[in-house]
Amino acid sequence: SVEILCVNDQPISEGFRGTIRMQDVRATEVESVEIYDSFRPGDVVRAAVISFGDRFSYYLSTARNELGVIYATSTSGEPLIPVSWHEMQDPRTKRKEKRKVAKVPAG
């Protein structure tokens, strides 16, 4: 489950929860999705709401290119740099970690 912090780039004050199900991580190769290889605790993820769960919970999707991890830290605490759509790298140790990386628009 995830904590929703912003809606349309606006911070929210109420606590809302969301869930990203395996079938909603990416649009292709859904059967091979591993949640731990896509997101880790503490990652900041851009996602789209696809449906309402209960009163304080939403189902979220990262199945578009612009959706996914936008900020993460390595196991050693260093900010990771995206190196592909499925990997981020610690710039100090050069160690790569798997993530479902968002393609951030240029500009």
C-alpha atoms as a PDB file:
ATOM      1  CA  SER A   1       0.000   0.000   0.000  1.00  0.00           C
ATOM      2  CA  VAL A   2       1.058   3.588  -0.560  1.00  0.00           C
ATOM      3  CA  GLU A   3       0.414   6.920   1.095  1.00  0.00           C
ATOM      4  CA  ILE A   4      -1.012   9.532  -1.298  1.00  0.00           C
ATOM      5  CA  LEU A   5       0.787  12.856  -0.779  1.00  0.00           C
ATOM      6  CA  CYS A   6      -0.322  14.967  -3.782  1.00  0.00           C
ATOM      7  CA  VAL A   7      -3.172  15.120  -6.257  1.00  0.00           C
ATOM      8  CA  ASN A   8      -2.458  16.915  -9.554  1.00  0.00           C
ATOM      9  CA  ASP A   9       0.794  18.308  -8.099  1.00  0.00           C
ATOM     10  CA  GLN A  10      -1.068  19.798  -5.113  1.00  0.00           C
ATOM     11  CA  PRO A  11      -0.166  18.566  -1.610  1.00  0.00           C
ATOM     12  CA  ILE A  12      -3.086  17.157   0.360  1.00  0.00           C
ATOM     13  CA  SER A  13      -3.563  17.428   4.088  1.00  0.00           C
ATOM     14  CA  GLU A  14      -5.768  14.376   4.645  1.00  0.00           C
ATOM     15  CA  GLY A  15      -4.205  10.953   4.713  1.00  0.00           C
ATOM     16  CA  PHE A  16      -5.329   8.761   1.824  1.00  0.00           C
ATOM     17  CA  ARG A  17      -4.026   5.292   1.049  1.00  0.00           C
ATOM     18  CA  GLY A  18      -3.647   3.589  -2.265  1.00  0.00           C
ATOM     19  CA  THR A  19      -2.837   0.158  -3.609  1.00  0.00           C
ATOM     20  CA  ILE A  20      -0.860  -0.689  -6.741  1.00  0.00           C
ATOM     21  CA  ARG A  21      -1.779  -4.218  -7.762  1.00  0.00           C
ATOM     22  CA  MET A  22       0.592  -6.406  -9.793  1.00  0.00           C
ATOM     23  CA  GLN A  23      -1.637  -6.143 -12.879  1.00  0.00           C
ATOM     24  CA  ASP A  24      -1.506  -2.320 -12.633  1.00  0.00           C
ATOM     25  CA  VAL A  25       2.297  -1.866 -12.482  1.00  0.00           C
ATOM     26  CA  ARG A  26       2.916  -1.923 -16.238  1.00  0.00           C
ATOM     27  CA  ALA A  27       0.979  -2.454 -19.444  1.00  0.00           C
ATOM     28  CA  THR A  28       3.079  -5.339 -20.816  1.00  0.00           C
ATOM     29  CA  GLU A  29       4.565  -8.533 -19.354  1.00  0.00           C
ATOM     30  CA  VAL A  30       2.095  -8.273 -16.468  1.00  0.00           C
ATOM     31  CA  GLU A  31       2.597 -11.932 -15.525  1.00  0.00           C
ATOM     32  CA  SER A  32       6.283 -11.325 -14.742  1.00  0.00           C
ATOM     33  CA  VAL A  33       5.792  -8.284 -12.465  1.00  0.00           C
ATOM     34  CA  GLU A  34       7.472  -8.475  -9.055  1.00  0.00           C
ATOM     35  CA  ILE A  35       6.319  -5.678  -6.744  1.00  0.00           C
ATOM     36  CA  TYR A  36       9.676  -5.602  -4.907  1.00  0.00           C
ATOM     37  CA  ASP A  37      11.481  -5.106  -8.243  1.00  0.00           C
ATOM     38  CA  SER A  38       9.130  -2.225  -9.061  1.00  0.00           C
ATOM     39  CA  PHE A  39       8.834  -0.238  -5.815  1.00  0.00           C
ATOM     40  CA  ARG A  40      10.452  -0.190  -2.383  1.00  0.00           C
ATOM     41  CA  PRO A  41       9.382   1.380   0.910  1.00  0.00           C
ATOM     42  CA  GLY A  42      10.222   5.094   0.839  1.00  0.00           C
ATOM     43  CA  ASP A  43      10.077   5.472  -2.961  1.00  0.00           C
ATOM     44  CA  VAL A  44       8.159   8.439  -4.351  1.00  0.00           C
ATOM     45  CA  VAL A  45       5.864   7.164  -7.098  1.00  0.00           C
ATOM     46  CA  ARG A  46       3.784   9.043  -9.675  1.00  0.00           C
ATOM     47  CA  ALA A  47       0.581   7.046 -10.241  1.00  0.00           C
ATOM     48  CA  ALA A  48      -2.901   7.462 -11.683  1.00  0.00           C
ATOM     49  CA  VAL A  49      -6.102   6.677  -9.807  1.00  0.00           C
ATOM     50  CA  ILE A  50      -7.953   3.948 -11.707  1.00  0.00           C
ATOM     51  CA  SER A  51     -10.790   3.267  -9.253  1.00  0.00           C
ATOM     52  CA  PHE A  52     -12.025   3.921  -5.769  1.00  0.00           C
ATOM     53  CA  GLY A  53     -11.525   1.295  -3.109  1.00  0.00           C
ATOM     54  CA  ASP A  54     -13.245   2.127   0.150  1.00  0.00           C
ATOM     55  CA  ARG A  55     -13.696   5.560   1.725  1.00  0.00           C
ATOM     56  CA  PHE A  56      -9.972   6.224   2.280  1.00  0.00           C
ATOM     57  CA  SER A  57      -8.320   3.955  -0.275  1.00  0.00           C
ATOM     58  CA  TYR A  58      -7.815   4.041  -4.049  1.00  0.00           C
ATOM     59  CA  TYR A  59      -6.523   1.620  -6.658  1.00  0.00           C
ATOM     60  CA  LEU A  60      -3.570   3.148  -8.497  1.00  0.00           C
ATOM     61  CA  SER A  61      -1.778   2.372 -11.754  1.00  0.00           C
ATOM     62  CA  THR A  62       1.752   2.978 -13.030  1.00  0.00           C
ATOM     63  CA  ALA A  63       1.056   1.282 -16.380  1.00  0.00           C
ATOM     64  CA  ARG A  64       1.955   4.307 -18.521  1.00  0.00           C
ATOM     65  CA  ASN A  65       5.496   5.425 -19.381  1.00  0.00           C
ATOM     66  CA  GLU A  66       5.247   8.682 -17.419  1.00  0.00           C
ATOM     67  CA  LEU A  67       4.143   6.823 -14.270  1.00  0.00           C
ATOM     68  CA  GLY A  68       6.374   5.017 -11.793  1.00  0.00           C
ATOM     69  CA  VAL A  69       9.200   5.823  -9.397  1.00  0.00           C
ATOM     70  CA  ILE A  70      10.327   9.460  -9.594  1.00  0.00           C
ATOM     71  CA  TYR A  71      12.581   9.439  -6.514  1.00  0.00           C
ATOM     72  CA  ALA A  72      14.264   6.646  -4.599  1.00  0.00           C
ATOM     73  CA  THR A  73      17.242   6.110  -2.339  1.00  0.00           C
ATOM     74  CA  SER A  74      19.638   3.189  -2.413  1.00  0.00           C
ATOM     75  CA  THR A  75      20.012   0.681   0.391  1.00  0.00           C
ATOM     76  CA  SER A  76      22.926   2.854   1.566  1.00  0.00           C
ATOM     77  CA  GLY A  77      20.721   5.985   1.605  1.00  0.00           C
ATOM     78  CA  GLU A  78      22.050   7.694  -1.544  1.00  0.00           C
ATOM     79  CA  PRO A  79      19.560   9.238  -4.025  1.00  0.00           C
ATOM     80  CA  LEU A  80      19.297   6.966  -7.070  1.00  0.00           C
ATOM     81  CA  ILE A  81      19.633   8.124 -10.673  1.00  0.00           C
ATOM     82  CA  PRO A  82      17.397   6.557 -13.379  1.00  0.00           C
ATOM     83  CA  VAL A  83      19.447   4.631 -15.957  1.00  0.00           C
ATOM     84  CA  SER A  84      16.615   2.834 -17.793  1.00  0.00           C
ATOM     85  CA  TRP A  85      12.860   2.258 -17.493  1.00  0.00           C
ATOM     86  CA  HIS A  86      13.536  -0.603 -15.063  1.00  0.00           C
ATOM     87  CA  GLU A  87      16.742   0.348 -13.213  1.00  0.00           C
ATOM     88  CA  MET A  88      18.157   3.113 -11.036  1.00  0.00           C
ATOM     89  CA  GLN A  89      21.789   3.479  -9.994  1.00  0.00           C
ATOM     90  CA  ASP A  90      23.603   4.693  -6.895  1.00  0.00           C
ATOM     91  CA  PRO A  91      25.996   7.346  -8.298  1.00  0.00           C
ATOM     92  CA  ARG A  92      28.568   6.689  -5.571  1.00  0.00           C
ATOM     93  CA  THR A  93      28.742   2.872  -5.565  1.00  0.00           C
ATOM     94  CA  LYS A  94      27.480   2.346  -9.166  1.00  0.00           C
ATOM     95  CA  ARG A  95      25.218  -0.404  -7.782  1.00  0.00           C
ATOM     96  CA  LYS A  96      21.980  -0.775  -9.764  1.00  0.00           C
ATOM     97  CA  GLU A  97      18.579  -1.465  -8.238  1.00  0.00           C
ATOM     98  CA  LYS A  98      15.422  -2.532 -10.039  1.00  0.00           C
ATOM     99  CA  ARG A  99      12.459  -0.130 -10.144  1.00  0.00           C
ATOM    100  CA  LYS A 100       9.536   0.681 -12.451  1.00  0.00           C
ATOM    101  CA  VAL A 101      10.959   4.087 -13.388  1.00  0.00           C
ATOM    102  CA  ALA A 102       8.733   6.944 -14.590  1.00  0.00           C
ATOM    103  CA  LYS A 103       9.790   8.611 -17.822  1.00  0.00           C
ATOM    104  CA  VAL A 104       9.886  12.233 -16.686  1.00  0.00           C
ATOM    105  CA  PRO A 105       9.118  14.697 -19.485  1.00  0.00           C
ATOM    106  CA  ALA A 106      12.023  16.944 -20.481  1.00  0.00           C
ATOM    107  CA  GLY A 107      11.773  20.652 -19.735  1.00  0.00           C
END
